Protein backbone atom coordinates (compact mmCIF):
# COMPACT_ATOMS: atom_id res chain seq x y z
CA UNK A 1 -1.00 6.69 -17.84
CA UNK A 2 -3.37 4.18 -16.26
CA UNK A 3 -4.19 2.84 -19.73
CA UNK A 4 -0.49 2.31 -20.30
CA UNK A 5 -0.30 0.38 -17.00
CA UNK A 6 -3.17 -1.87 -18.07
CA UNK A 7 -1.70 -2.53 -21.54
CA UNK A 8 1.62 -3.43 -19.94
CA UNK A 9 -0.07 -5.80 -17.52
CA UNK A 10 -1.95 -7.60 -20.35
CA UNK A 11 1.24 -7.99 -22.38
CA UNK A 12 3.17 -9.34 -19.40
CA UNK A 13 0.44 -11.81 -18.47
CA UNK A 14 0.42 -13.12 -22.05
CA UNK A 15 4.19 -13.54 -21.99
CA UNK A 16 3.96 -15.29 -18.63
CA UNK A 17 1.52 -17.83 -20.07
CA UNK A 18 4.00 -18.76 -22.81
CA UNK A 19 6.84 -19.17 -20.33
CA UNK A 20 4.86 -20.98 -17.65
CA UNK A 21 5.91 -24.44 -18.79
CA UNK A 22 9.57 -23.43 -18.82
CA UNK A 23 9.49 -22.04 -15.27
CA UNK A 24 7.54 -24.85 -13.58
CA UNK A 25 10.66 -26.20 -11.88
CA UNK A 26 12.09 -22.81 -10.93
CA UNK A 27 12.26 -21.51 -7.37
CA UNK A 28 9.09 -19.82 -6.03
CA UNK A 29 8.85 -16.30 -7.40
CA UNK A 30 6.96 -14.85 -4.43
CA UNK A 31 7.49 -14.62 -0.69
CA UNK A 32 4.48 -14.71 1.63
CA UNK A 33 4.12 -12.22 4.47
CA UNK A 34 1.61 -12.75 7.23
CA UNK A 35 0.43 -11.30 10.50
CA UNK A 36 -1.22 -14.47 11.73
CA UNK A 37 -2.39 -12.89 14.98
CA UNK A 38 -4.45 -10.33 13.06
CA UNK A 39 -5.18 -12.60 10.07
CA UNK A 40 -3.60 -10.46 7.37
CA UNK A 41 -1.68 -11.92 4.44
CA UNK A 42 -0.04 -10.85 1.17
CA UNK A 43 2.79 -11.89 -1.12
CA UNK A 44 5.69 -10.01 -2.68
CA UNK A 45 8.23 -10.90 -5.38
CA UNK A 46 11.11 -12.85 -3.89
CA UNK A 47 13.50 -10.36 -5.48
CA UNK A 48 12.10 -7.63 -3.20
CA UNK A 49 13.79 -8.33 0.16
CA UNK A 50 12.24 -7.53 3.51
CA UNK A 51 13.42 -4.25 4.99
CA UNK A 52 15.63 -4.89 8.03
CA UNK A 53 14.60 -4.12 11.60
CA UNK A 54 17.04 -1.21 12.01
CA UNK A 55 15.74 0.59 8.93
CA UNK A 56 12.15 -0.09 9.97
CA UNK A 57 12.85 1.19 13.48
CA UNK A 58 14.33 4.42 12.07
CA UNK A 59 11.33 4.84 9.79
CA UNK A 60 8.71 4.19 12.48
CA UNK A 61 10.46 6.59 14.83
CA UNK A 62 10.27 9.37 12.23
CA UNK A 63 6.67 8.48 11.40
CA UNK A 64 5.38 8.15 14.93
CA UNK A 65 3.70 5.17 16.48
CA UNK A 66 0.75 5.10 14.09
CA UNK A 67 -0.63 6.62 10.90
CA UNK A 68 -4.09 6.63 12.45
CA UNK A 69 -3.37 9.62 14.66
CA UNK A 70 -2.69 10.38 18.30
CA UNK A 71 -5.37 8.94 20.56
CA UNK A 72 -7.02 7.00 17.73
CA UNK A 73 -5.17 3.72 17.99
CA UNK A 74 -1.84 1.97 18.27
CA UNK A 75 0.45 0.16 15.86
CA UNK A 76 0.11 -3.63 16.23
CA UNK A 77 2.26 -4.90 13.33
CA UNK A 78 4.27 -3.57 10.42
CA UNK A 79 6.34 -4.95 7.56
CA UNK A 80 8.06 -3.49 4.50
CA UNK A 81 9.71 -4.84 1.36
CA UNK A 82 11.89 -2.86 -1.04
CA UNK A 83 13.30 -3.87 -4.42
CA UNK A 84 16.38 -1.74 -3.68
CA UNK A 85 19.49 -3.63 -2.60
CA UNK A 86 20.12 -1.09 0.18
CA UNK A 87 16.72 0.39 1.12
CA UNK A 88 16.51 3.78 2.76
CA UNK A 89 14.03 4.68 5.49
CA UNK A 90 13.41 7.95 3.62
CA UNK A 91 11.74 6.08 0.74
CA UNK A 92 9.48 3.65 2.59
CA UNK A 93 6.40 5.87 2.34
CA UNK A 94 7.05 8.21 -0.60
CA UNK A 95 9.33 8.87 -3.55
CA UNK A 96 11.13 5.57 -3.97
CA UNK A 97 12.93 4.85 -7.27
CA UNK A 98 12.19 1.13 -6.73
CA UNK A 99 8.94 -0.62 -5.72
CA UNK A 100 8.25 -0.47 -1.99
CA UNK A 101 5.54 -2.39 -0.15
CA UNK A 102 4.59 -1.05 3.28
CA UNK A 103 2.02 -2.88 5.40
CA UNK A 104 0.70 -2.19 8.86
CA UNK A 105 -2.05 -3.21 11.26
CA UNK A 106 -3.49 -0.80 13.82
CA UNK A 107 -5.60 -1.45 16.90
CA UNK A 108 -8.36 1.14 16.78
CA UNK A 109 -9.50 3.18 19.74
CA UNK A 110 -13.20 3.05 20.55
CA UNK A 111 -13.96 6.59 19.33
CA UNK A 112 -12.57 5.88 15.87
CA UNK A 113 -14.34 2.52 15.65
CA UNK A 114 -17.67 4.30 15.92
CA UNK A 115 -16.84 6.98 13.34
CA UNK A 116 -14.62 5.26 10.77
CA UNK A 117 -15.62 6.05 7.19
CA UNK A 118 -14.36 5.12 3.73
CA UNK A 119 -13.12 8.69 3.25
CA UNK A 120 -11.05 8.48 6.44
CA UNK A 121 -9.49 5.33 4.99
CA UNK A 122 -8.75 7.13 1.73
CA UNK A 123 -7.04 9.96 3.59
CA UNK A 124 -5.09 7.70 5.96
CA UNK A 125 -1.67 8.29 4.36
CA UNK A 126 -2.12 11.39 2.19
CA UNK A 127 -5.07 13.78 1.69
CA UNK A 128 -6.66 11.94 -1.23
CA UNK A 129 -10.28 13.14 -1.11
CA UNK A 130 -11.13 16.59 -2.48
CA UNK A 131 -12.17 17.88 0.94
CA UNK A 132 -8.98 16.68 2.60
CA UNK A 133 -6.86 18.20 -0.15
CA UNK A 134 -8.63 21.55 0.26
CA UNK A 135 -7.97 21.47 4.00
CA UNK A 136 -4.34 20.55 3.40
CA UNK A 137 -3.91 23.35 0.87
CA UNK A 138 -5.39 25.83 3.33
CA UNK A 139 -2.66 24.85 5.80
CA UNK A 140 0.06 25.19 3.15
CA UNK A 141 0.33 21.52 2.09
CA UNK A 142 -0.30 20.91 -1.62
CA UNK A 143 -0.23 17.66 -3.57
CA UNK A 144 0.94 19.13 -6.86
CA UNK A 145 -0.34 17.40 -9.96
CA UNK A 146 -2.66 15.14 -7.99
CA UNK A 147 -4.42 12.57 -10.20
CA UNK A 148 -6.86 9.89 -9.12
CA UNK A 149 -6.50 6.93 -11.51
CA UNK A 150 -8.91 4.57 -9.79
CA UNK A 151 -11.09 4.30 -6.70
CA UNK A 152 -13.14 1.38 -5.39
CA UNK A 153 -14.75 0.07 -2.23
CA UNK A 154 -14.18 -3.46 -0.95
CA UNK A 155 -16.54 -5.73 0.97
CA UNK A 156 -16.24 -9.44 1.70
CA UNK A 157 -18.60 -12.12 2.95
CA UNK A 158 -16.68 -12.07 6.26
CA UNK A 159 -17.65 -8.45 6.89
CA UNK A 160 -14.25 -6.99 6.00
CA UNK A 161 -14.66 -3.65 4.23
CA UNK A 162 -12.49 -0.85 2.93
CA UNK A 163 -11.09 0.95 -0.08
CA UNK A 164 -8.48 0.78 -2.81
CA UNK A 165 -7.14 4.02 -4.29
CA UNK A 166 -4.70 4.35 -7.19
CA UNK A 167 -3.37 7.90 -7.37
CA UNK A 168 -0.37 10.02 -8.15
CA UNK A 169 1.15 13.42 -7.51
CA UNK A 170 4.41 15.26 -8.06
CA UNK A 171 6.94 15.64 -5.25
CA UNK A 172 10.30 17.36 -5.64
CA UNK A 173 9.71 17.55 -9.38
CA UNK A 174 9.17 13.79 -9.74
CA UNK A 175 5.82 12.16 -10.59
CA UNK A 176 4.95 9.43 -8.06
CA UNK A 177 2.28 6.71 -8.06
CA UNK A 178 0.61 5.00 -5.08
CA UNK A 179 -1.62 1.95 -4.82
CA UNK A 180 -3.28 2.11 -1.39
CA UNK A 181 -5.57 -0.45 0.22
CA UNK A 182 -7.11 0.17 3.65
CA UNK A 183 -9.42 -2.37 5.29
CA UNK A 184 -11.13 -2.90 8.61
CA UNK A 185 -12.48 -6.11 10.12
CA UNK A 186 -16.14 -6.85 10.79
CA UNK A 187 -15.95 -5.57 14.37
CA UNK A 188 -14.00 -2.42 13.35
CA UNK A 189 -11.29 -3.10 15.92
CA UNK A 190 -8.42 -3.28 13.41
CA UNK A 191 -7.24 -1.11 10.53
CA UNK A 192 -5.11 -2.77 7.83
CA UNK A 193 -2.95 -0.83 5.38
CA UNK A 194 -1.12 -2.01 2.27
CA UNK A 195 0.71 0.73 0.34
CA UNK A 196 2.77 0.05 -2.78
CA UNK A 197 4.59 3.04 -4.23
CA UNK A 198 7.45 4.29 -6.37
CA UNK A 199 8.05 6.90 -9.04
CA UNK A 200 5.97 6.85 -12.22
CA UNK A 201 8.61 5.21 -14.42
CA UNK A 202 9.24 2.49 -11.82
CA UNK A 203 5.52 1.88 -11.32
CA UNK A 204 4.93 1.49 -15.05
CA UNK A 205 7.84 -0.96 -15.36
CA UNK A 206 6.63 -3.09 -12.44
CA UNK A 207 2.88 -2.80 -12.84
CA UNK A 208 2.24 -6.54 -13.23
CA UNK A 209 4.10 -7.43 -10.02
CA UNK A 210 2.50 -4.54 -8.13
CA UNK A 211 -0.95 -5.69 -9.21
CA UNK A 212 -0.18 -9.21 -7.96
CA UNK A 213 0.91 -7.86 -4.57
CA UNK A 214 -2.21 -5.74 -4.19
CA UNK A 215 -4.61 -8.48 -5.29
CA UNK A 216 -3.01 -10.95 -2.87
CA UNK A 217 -3.78 -8.76 0.17
CA UNK A 218 -6.21 -10.79 2.29
CA UNK A 219 -7.77 -9.97 5.65
CA UNK A 220 -9.90 -12.49 7.52
CA UNK A 221 -10.17 -10.73 10.86
CA UNK A 222 -13.53 -10.90 12.62
């Protein structure tokens, strides 16, 4: 499936080159999101509207104050965008039929700053590593059909470091795909998450735009 994603992206980029001259005067195709206080930035297609505060509030209430875990930090900032005309809080983290971008910034507690690893970043949202999936299965939680399509570490000259994981699994009989980026700043006081997800068919159809969103994610925190 990942090969199909890449072929689709190449074809769409080629088509975009041909049309570039025709679209030069068109309205901007992307909207920029930023948490200036924490120096995090990314862009999303303008056709994917920002999720409203009421839906976000409902979602965060069901999720808890932070993905990091009780006693490990606090939520400093969050933002979501959904290609659906009427987004549901139930789909902001998993199982959406349309592309969803969820971003958050966490202030890390001292204990986690000293122990934070790349594997903890990988397992921030779902148990992605083999060890975490074994532990989850032992407690009755299985990611059926789990597939890891790509995994990489990220480091920048500013000392920002983290991971990007492209993976999928089956939930409620539907194959889902996730592109997850987790970063921390040079002083390990912040944890930055960018998660783009939807079902497999949706992901394949929107792979070029999803790739643009992920590649635009920039953290300059010190």
